[in-house]
Amino acid sequence: MSARKRARDIGLDFPGVPGHFNAITDVPGVKVGYTTIIEGEGPVVIGEGPIRTGVTAILPRGTKEKMQPIWAGTYSLNGNGEMTGMHWVNDGGYFLSPICLTNTHSVGMAHHATTKWMIEKYKEQFSEHHLWAMPVIAETYDGLLNDINGQHIKEEHVLSAIHSAKSGAIAEGNVGGGTGMICYEFKGGTGTSSRIVELNGEQHHVGVLVQANYGIRDWLTVLGVPVGKHLTEHKILSKEQGSIIVIIGTDIPMLPHQLKRLAKRAAIGIGRSGSPGGNNSGDIFLAFSTANEMDIPQLSEDKLTMTFVNDESFDPIYEAVCQSVDESVINAMIAAKTMSLVKPFGKKAYAIDHEKLLKVMKQYTH
């Protein structure tokens, strides 16, 4: 997919200082890969298409030779959705796997394939010890644009996303798990952003990736401007029925309970673009830290030592999360391309018109 414009490219002045790529990959070691499937047109026929879906793979520690705990915390603003592995993250404070995002009916396949990748990648550890794989897989519903009941995501698609993961600039909009998603009744999808946070004179990064598939038009707010009240054409929904997955990464050393507090701030981030967290929406968030590298607990000593940031330093970190989540959502919409609906057939999920958006924004700036 050719590079698409982002929010800052068209003149939207989001607050905060982004990292070099303004992406979750600004967090050192984090890699992201996609599999994107776009095939066919016309009304949906279960099992035959059209297919507009995919997989997004986030590797918090890249492809290190041994599994290491990835310290994490989760938060569910509204639980009409799924993220596997949350129970252990909430109790144990860590996970070991890639994070894969896909559509609602492909969670099982993504879980199966990610487990396979872990066993093959860390074969020696799994062969010599009684270890378990509990991948983090999350979903949003793409049934308006995709033959979701056809379950077109296969093992090879998940493995391809994981194997293609890279650092640096990454694509947004109609890519990966976000391929068939709708946001505020415009075409949505995958978005990312980052912020630099300075602690004791040392630069750290907070990075976010979202799979944005939520909201109704009337709610849409961009940098405080009620854009949805003005851009009223081509509405799709009678009520909110989507979801959003937010993945927050950082290299700031944090304990699991601190990361849970960080994950909660994603709710404020998505609220900035207007969402109150709808009843039919799965608004599920995970925050992880790549700091405190060590062996997995099963192979460690009885007593462990971790470095963590003072809670009194949290406010700029919270601010960085809120800013990055908000910008990631808008980036997903700015980068997206118009796509035809399969159900109901005959309509389209239009990409937000950049010129019309900027015209509305100018009405509120002096």
Protein backbone atom coordinates (compact mmCIF):
# COMPACT_ATOMS: atom_id res chain seq x y z
CA MET A 1 0.00 0.00 0.00
CA SER A 2 1.34 3.44 -0.93
CA ALA A 3 1.97 5.91 1.88
CA ARG A 4 -1.13 7.81 2.93
CA LYS A 5 -1.33 11.24 4.49
CA ARG A 6 -1.60 11.53 8.26
CA ALA A 7 -3.28 14.07 10.52
CA ARG A 8 -0.21 16.28 10.82
CA ASP A 9 0.38 16.12 7.06
CA ILE A 10 -2.88 17.93 6.39
CA GLY A 11 -2.30 20.56 9.08
CA LEU A 12 -4.02 19.15 12.18
CA ASP A 13 -1.94 20.48 15.05
CA PHE A 14 -2.05 17.78 17.70
CA PRO A 15 -0.34 18.64 20.98
CA GLY A 16 2.80 16.95 22.25
CA VAL A 17 6.15 16.02 20.74
CA PRO A 18 6.03 12.78 18.72
CA GLY A 19 8.88 10.34 18.24
CA HIS A 20 10.77 10.10 14.96
CA PHE A 21 8.16 7.92 13.22
CA ASN A 22 5.19 9.11 15.31
CA ALA A 23 4.32 5.43 15.74
CA ILE A 24 4.32 2.66 18.31
CA THR A 25 7.57 1.52 16.69
CA ASP A 26 9.30 4.53 18.25
CA VAL A 27 9.40 2.41 21.40
CA PRO A 28 12.80 0.68 21.05
CA GLY A 29 12.48 -2.97 20.05
CA VAL A 30 8.82 -2.88 19.06
CA LYS A 31 7.98 -4.26 15.61
CA VAL A 32 4.68 -4.31 13.69
CA GLY A 33 3.59 -6.48 10.77
CA TYR A 34 0.43 -6.80 8.67
CA THR A 35 -1.45 -9.22 6.51
CA THR A 36 -4.12 -7.44 4.45
CA ILE A 37 -6.70 -9.29 2.33
CA ILE A 38 -8.91 -7.33 -0.07
CA GLU A 39 -10.71 -9.50 -2.62
CA GLY A 40 -13.98 -9.20 -4.50
CA GLU A 41 -16.96 -6.88 -4.77
CA GLY A 42 -20.70 -7.27 -4.54
CA PRO A 43 -23.15 -8.54 -1.91
CA VAL A 44 -21.85 -10.96 0.69
CA VAL A 45 -22.01 -14.72 0.12
CA ILE A 46 -20.84 -16.60 3.21
CA GLY A 47 -17.59 -18.36 2.47
CA GLU A 48 -17.12 -16.65 -0.89
CA GLY A 49 -16.60 -13.00 0.03
CA PRO A 50 -16.10 -10.19 -0.55
CA ILE A 51 -13.07 -10.32 1.76
CA ARG A 52 -11.77 -7.15 3.43
CA THR A 53 -9.92 -8.23 6.54
CA GLY A 54 -6.49 -9.03 7.92
CA VAL A 55 -4.15 -9.39 10.88
CA THR A 56 -1.98 -6.89 12.71
CA ALA A 57 0.95 -8.33 14.68
CA ILE A 58 2.77 -6.33 17.35
CA LEU A 59 6.00 -7.82 18.70
CA PRO A 60 6.85 -5.87 21.89
CA ARG A 61 10.35 -7.34 22.17
CA GLY A 62 10.89 -8.02 18.48
CA THR A 63 12.21 -11.51 17.79
CA LYS A 64 14.57 -12.12 20.70
CA GLU A 65 16.01 -15.61 20.93
CA LYS A 66 14.40 -16.37 24.30
CA MET A 67 11.01 -15.54 25.74
CA GLN A 68 11.07 -12.75 28.30
CA PRO A 69 8.16 -11.40 30.32
CA ILE A 70 6.49 -8.35 28.82
CA TRP A 71 5.14 -6.45 31.81
CA ALA A 72 1.60 -5.27 31.22
CA GLY A 73 -1.75 -4.09 32.51
CA THR A 74 -5.22 -4.08 30.95
CA TYR A 75 -8.45 -2.13 31.22
CA SER A 76 -11.90 -2.68 29.74
CA LEU A 77 -14.01 0.46 29.42
CA ASN A 78 -16.83 -1.52 27.80
CA GLY A 79 -16.55 -5.27 27.54
CA ASN A 80 -18.49 -6.09 24.37
CA GLY A 81 -15.41 -7.64 22.79
CA GLU A 82 -12.49 -9.99 23.33
CA MET A 83 -8.83 -9.83 24.25
CA THR A 84 -7.35 -13.18 25.20
CA GLY A 85 -4.73 -13.53 27.92
CA MET A 86 -6.19 -10.71 30.03
CA HIS A 87 -6.84 -12.89 33.07
CA TRP A 88 -3.18 -13.80 33.42
CA VAL A 89 -2.03 -10.26 32.69
CA ASN A 90 -4.32 -9.07 35.48
CA ASP A 91 -3.00 -11.70 37.92
CA GLY A 92 0.58 -12.35 36.77
CA GLY A 93 1.36 -8.91 35.38
CA TYR A 94 2.95 -10.06 32.14
CA PHE A 95 2.54 -11.93 28.85
CA LEU A 96 5.04 -13.63 26.54
CA SER A 97 3.58 -13.51 23.05
CA PRO A 98 3.10 -11.28 20.06
CA ILE A 99 -0.13 -9.27 20.18
CA CYS A 100 -2.38 -10.01 17.19
CA LEU A 101 -5.42 -7.95 16.18
CA THR A 102 -7.99 -9.31 13.73
CA ASN A 103 -11.74 -9.62 13.19
CA THR A 104 -14.21 -11.03 15.69
CA HIS A 105 -14.64 -14.45 14.10
CA SER A 106 -10.91 -15.07 13.61
CA VAL A 107 -9.73 -14.87 17.22
CA GLY A 108 -9.44 -18.67 17.48
CA MET A 109 -7.34 -19.00 14.34
CA ALA A 110 -5.08 -16.14 15.40
CA HIS A 111 -4.63 -17.75 18.82
CA HIS A 112 -3.83 -21.13 17.27
CA ALA A 113 -1.33 -19.72 14.77
CA THR A 114 0.39 -17.44 17.29
CA THR A 115 0.80 -20.37 19.66
CA LYS A 116 2.38 -22.34 16.83
CA TRP A 117 4.80 -19.50 16.10
CA MET A 118 5.80 -19.29 19.78
CA ILE A 119 6.44 -23.04 20.04
CA GLU A 120 8.55 -23.02 16.87
CA LYS A 121 10.41 -19.81 17.72
CA TYR A 122 11.21 -20.85 21.29
CA LYS A 123 11.42 -24.58 20.63
CA GLU A 124 14.25 -25.21 23.07
CA GLN A 125 12.45 -23.53 25.96
CA PHE A 126 9.20 -25.37 25.24
CA SER A 127 11.00 -28.70 24.76
CA GLU A 128 13.01 -28.56 27.97
CA HIS A 129 10.45 -27.05 30.34
CA HIS A 130 6.74 -27.24 31.13
CA LEU A 131 5.90 -23.86 29.62
CA TRP A 132 2.59 -22.67 28.27
CA ALA A 133 1.66 -20.28 25.49
CA MET A 134 -1.16 -17.85 26.21
CA PRO A 135 -1.20 -15.37 23.31
CA VAL A 136 -2.80 -11.94 23.43
CA ILE A 137 -5.35 -11.79 20.61
CA ALA A 138 -7.91 -8.99 20.24
CA GLU A 139 -10.70 -8.26 17.79
CA THR A 140 -13.17 -5.81 16.36
CA TYR A 141 -16.15 -6.57 14.09
CA ASP A 142 -15.76 -5.97 10.33
CA GLY A 143 -19.01 -7.58 9.16
CA LEU A 144 -20.28 -4.45 7.42
CA LEU A 145 -17.39 -4.52 4.97
CA ASN A 146 -16.22 -8.13 5.06
CA ASP A 147 -17.63 -11.66 4.77
CA ILE A 148 -16.80 -12.16 8.43
CA ASN A 149 -18.82 -15.39 8.68
CA GLY A 150 -16.64 -16.92 5.96
CA GLN A 151 -13.71 -17.04 8.42
CA HIS A 152 -11.17 -16.23 5.73
CA ILE A 153 -8.24 -15.69 8.10
CA LYS A 154 -6.06 -18.80 8.00
CA GLU A 155 -2.94 -19.88 9.85
CA GLU A 156 -0.66 -18.63 7.08
CA HIS A 157 -2.14 -15.12 7.27
CA VAL A 158 -1.37 -14.83 10.97
CA LEU A 159 2.15 -16.22 10.55
CA SER A 160 2.77 -13.86 7.62
CA ALA A 161 1.83 -10.85 9.75
CA ILE A 162 4.19 -11.96 12.52
CA HIS A 163 7.05 -12.75 10.14
CA SER A 164 6.67 -9.41 8.34
CA ALA A 165 6.93 -7.36 11.55
CA LYS A 166 9.43 -4.50 11.30
CA SER A 167 10.51 -1.35 13.06
CA GLY A 168 10.30 2.15 11.56
CA ALA A 169 7.39 3.76 9.73
CA ILE A 170 4.27 1.61 9.41
CA ALA A 171 1.14 1.82 7.25
CA GLU A 172 -2.26 2.99 8.54
CA GLY A 173 -5.89 2.94 7.48
CA ASN A 174 -7.05 -0.08 5.44
CA VAL A 175 -4.29 -2.43 6.62
CA GLY A 176 -3.98 -5.50 8.82
CA GLY A 177 -6.77 -6.14 11.29
CA GLY A 178 -8.08 -2.65 10.57
CA THR A 179 -8.75 -3.37 6.88
CA GLY A 180 -12.54 -3.69 7.20
CA MET A 181 -13.21 -1.29 10.07
CA ILE A 182 -15.40 1.82 10.33
CA CYS A 183 -14.84 4.77 12.68
CA TYR A 184 -17.47 7.43 13.46
CA GLU A 185 -19.25 6.19 10.31
CA PHE A 186 -16.25 7.09 8.15
CA LYS A 187 -13.82 4.45 6.95
CA GLY A 188 -11.54 3.67 9.89
CA GLY A 189 -8.95 1.02 10.63
CA THR A 190 -5.38 1.00 11.90
CA GLY A 191 -3.77 4.10 13.36
CA THR A 192 -0.65 4.87 15.37
CA SER A 193 1.15 7.72 17.12
CA SER A 194 3.79 8.33 19.77
CA ARG A 195 5.13 10.89 22.23
CA ILE A 196 8.50 11.63 23.76
CA VAL A 197 8.53 11.79 27.56
CA GLU A 198 11.55 13.11 29.47
CA LEU A 199 12.31 11.72 32.92
CA ASN A 200 15.39 12.85 34.84
CA GLY A 201 16.87 14.24 31.64
CA GLU A 202 16.44 10.94 29.77
CA GLN A 203 14.16 10.54 26.79
CA HIS A 204 11.58 7.77 26.79
CA HIS A 205 8.76 6.94 24.37
CA VAL A 206 5.08 6.19 24.69
CA GLY A 207 3.64 4.62 21.53
CA VAL A 208 0.08 3.66 20.62
CA LEU A 209 -1.56 1.52 17.97
CA VAL A 210 -5.34 1.39 17.61
CA GLN A 211 -7.79 -0.73 15.66
CA ALA A 212 -10.54 1.85 15.38
CA ASN A 213 -14.03 0.57 14.59
CA TYR A 214 -16.33 2.59 16.86
CA GLY A 215 -18.47 5.70 17.26
CA ILE A 216 -21.33 7.41 15.46
CA ARG A 217 -21.01 10.55 13.37
CA ASP A 218 -22.69 12.94 15.78
CA TRP A 219 -20.05 12.19 18.41
CA LEU A 220 -17.00 12.94 16.25
CA THR A 221 -14.80 15.65 17.70
CA VAL A 222 -11.38 16.62 16.32
CA LEU A 223 -9.16 18.80 18.53
CA GLY A 224 -12.25 20.05 20.32
CA VAL A 225 -14.20 20.85 17.14
CA PRO A 226 -17.62 19.10 16.75
CA VAL A 227 -16.81 17.89 13.25
CA GLY A 228 -19.54 15.24 13.21
CA LYS A 229 -22.25 17.89 13.54
CA HIS A 230 -21.10 19.39 10.24
CA LEU A 231 -20.01 16.43 8.11
CA THR A 232 -23.38 14.69 8.05
CA GLU A 233 -23.34 13.00 4.64
CA HIS A 234 -23.19 9.25 4.08
CA LYS A 235 -24.08 8.08 7.56
CA ILE A 236 -24.22 4.31 7.97
CA LEU A 237 -25.48 3.38 11.44
CA SER A 238 -28.67 3.93 13.40
CA LYS A 239 -26.74 3.44 16.64
CA GLU A 240 -23.18 2.73 17.77
CA GLN A 241 -22.15 -0.90 17.27
CA GLY A 242 -18.38 -1.00 16.90
CA SER A 243 -15.28 -1.44 19.04
CA ILE A 244 -11.76 -0.15 19.54
CA ILE A 245 -8.63 -1.95 20.66
CA VAL A 246 -5.87 0.28 22.04
CA ILE A 247 -2.34 -1.06 22.52
CA ILE A 248 0.04 1.21 24.45
CA GLY A 249 3.76 0.50 24.56
CA THR A 250 6.54 2.26 26.44
CA ASP A 251 10.18 1.83 27.40
CA ILE A 252 9.54 3.54 30.74
CA PRO A 253 10.13 1.04 33.57
CA MET A 254 6.77 0.38 35.18
CA LEU A 255 5.23 -2.23 37.43
CA PRO A 256 2.12 -4.11 36.25
CA HIS A 257 -0.26 -2.16 38.49
CA GLN A 258 1.19 1.07 37.09
CA LEU A 259 0.65 -0.19 33.54
CA LYS A 260 -2.96 -0.95 34.40
CA ARG A 261 -3.32 2.70 35.42
CA LEU A 262 -1.75 3.67 32.09
CA ALA A 263 -4.20 1.47 30.18
CA LYS A 264 -7.11 3.25 31.86
CA ARG A 265 -6.03 6.54 30.29
CA ALA A 266 -6.85 5.14 26.85
CA ALA A 267 -10.48 5.74 27.81
CA ILE A 268 -9.77 9.46 28.05
CA GLY A 269 -7.89 9.29 24.77
CA ILE A 270 -10.80 7.81 22.84
CA GLY A 271 -13.16 10.21 24.62
CA ARG A 272 -11.31 13.16 23.11
CA SER A 273 -12.66 12.24 19.67
CA GLY A 274 -16.16 12.03 21.13
CA SER A 275 -16.91 8.49 22.26
CA PRO A 276 -18.65 7.93 25.61
CA GLY A 277 -17.93 4.18 25.33
CA GLY A 278 -21.08 2.81 23.72
CA ASN A 279 -23.01 -0.21 25.03
CA ASN A 280 -22.36 -2.24 21.87
CA SER A 281 -18.67 -1.36 21.75
CA GLY A 282 -15.74 -3.43 22.95
CA ASP A 283 -13.38 -0.74 24.25
CA ILE A 284 -10.46 -2.84 25.50
CA PHE A 285 -6.97 -1.55 26.23
CA LEU A 286 -3.56 -3.03 27.03
CA ALA A 287 -0.40 -1.21 28.12
CA PHE A 288 3.03 -2.86 28.16
CA SER A 289 6.59 -1.90 29.06
CA THR A 290 9.71 -3.23 27.37
CA ALA A 291 11.86 -2.30 30.39
CA ASN A 292 12.98 -4.77 33.06
CA GLU A 293 14.26 -7.48 30.73
CA MET A 294 14.80 -10.78 32.53
CA ASP A 295 14.27 -14.52 32.25
CA ILE A 296 10.74 -15.85 32.44
CA PRO A 297 9.61 -16.32 36.05
CA GLN A 298 9.50 -20.12 35.74
CA LEU A 299 13.27 -20.11 35.22
CA SER A 300 14.15 -17.34 37.70
CA GLU A 301 15.16 -17.08 41.35
CA ASP A 302 12.72 -16.73 44.23
CA LYS A 303 13.45 -13.02 44.61
CA LEU A 304 13.46 -10.62 41.66
CA THR A 305 14.36 -6.97 41.35
CA MET A 306 12.58 -4.48 39.08
CA THR A 307 13.12 -0.80 38.37
CA PHE A 308 10.02 1.38 38.22
CA VAL A 309 9.16 5.02 37.83
CA ASN A 310 7.90 7.05 40.77
CA ASP A 311 4.12 7.51 40.67
CA GLU A 312 4.69 11.23 41.23
CA SER A 313 6.17 11.39 37.72
CA PHE A 314 3.08 9.96 36.04
CA ASP A 315 1.22 13.07 34.90
CA PRO A 316 3.27 13.72 31.72
CA ILE A 317 3.10 10.01 30.93
CA TYR A 318 -0.68 10.04 31.25
CA GLU A 319 -0.80 13.11 29.02
CA ALA A 320 1.36 11.38 26.41
CA VAL A 321 -1.02 8.40 26.35
CA CYS A 322 -4.13 10.56 25.93
CA GLN A 323 -2.52 12.59 23.15
CA SER A 324 -1.21 9.53 21.31
CA VAL A 325 -4.50 7.63 21.48
CA ASP A 326 -6.44 10.62 20.17
CA GLU A 327 -4.04 11.22 17.29
CA SER A 328 -3.90 7.50 16.43
CA VAL A 329 -7.68 7.41 15.95
CA ILE A 330 -7.65 10.44 13.67
CA ASN A 331 -4.63 9.06 11.78
CA ALA A 332 -6.59 5.88 11.09
CA MET A 333 -9.40 7.91 9.55
CA ILE A 334 -7.15 10.29 7.60
CA ALA A 335 -5.20 7.39 6.05
CA ALA A 336 -8.22 5.23 5.22
CA LYS A 337 -9.69 4.74 1.75
CA THR A 338 -13.39 4.51 0.83
CA MET A 339 -14.73 0.95 0.76
CA SER A 340 -18.10 -0.49 -0.28
CA LEU A 341 -20.34 -2.19 2.27
CA VAL A 342 -21.32 -5.83 1.87
CA LYS A 343 -24.12 -5.67 4.42
CA PRO A 344 -26.25 -3.74 3.66
CA PHE A 345 -25.03 -3.92 0.07
CA GLY A 346 -25.16 -0.75 -2.01
CA LYS A 347 -23.70 1.73 0.47
CA LYS A 348 -20.13 2.81 1.12
CA ALA A 349 -17.99 3.64 4.12
CA TYR A 350 -16.49 6.86 2.83
CA ALA A 351 -13.06 8.05 3.85
CA ILE A 352 -13.23 11.41 5.58
CA ASP A 353 -12.78 14.24 3.08
CA HIS A 354 -9.62 16.11 4.09
CA GLU A 355 -10.65 19.41 2.54
CA LYS A 356 -14.11 19.36 4.09
CA LEU A 357 -12.62 18.46 7.46
CA LEU A 358 -10.17 21.36 7.33
CA LYS A 359 -12.95 23.74 6.27
CA VAL A 360 -14.92 22.83 9.41
CA MET A 361 -11.81 23.15 11.56
CA LYS A 362 -11.16 26.67 10.26
CA GLN A 363 -14.64 27.77 11.34
CA TYR A 364 -13.56 27.25 14.94
CA THR A 365 -10.06 28.77 14.81
CA HIS A 366 -9.15 32.43 14.86
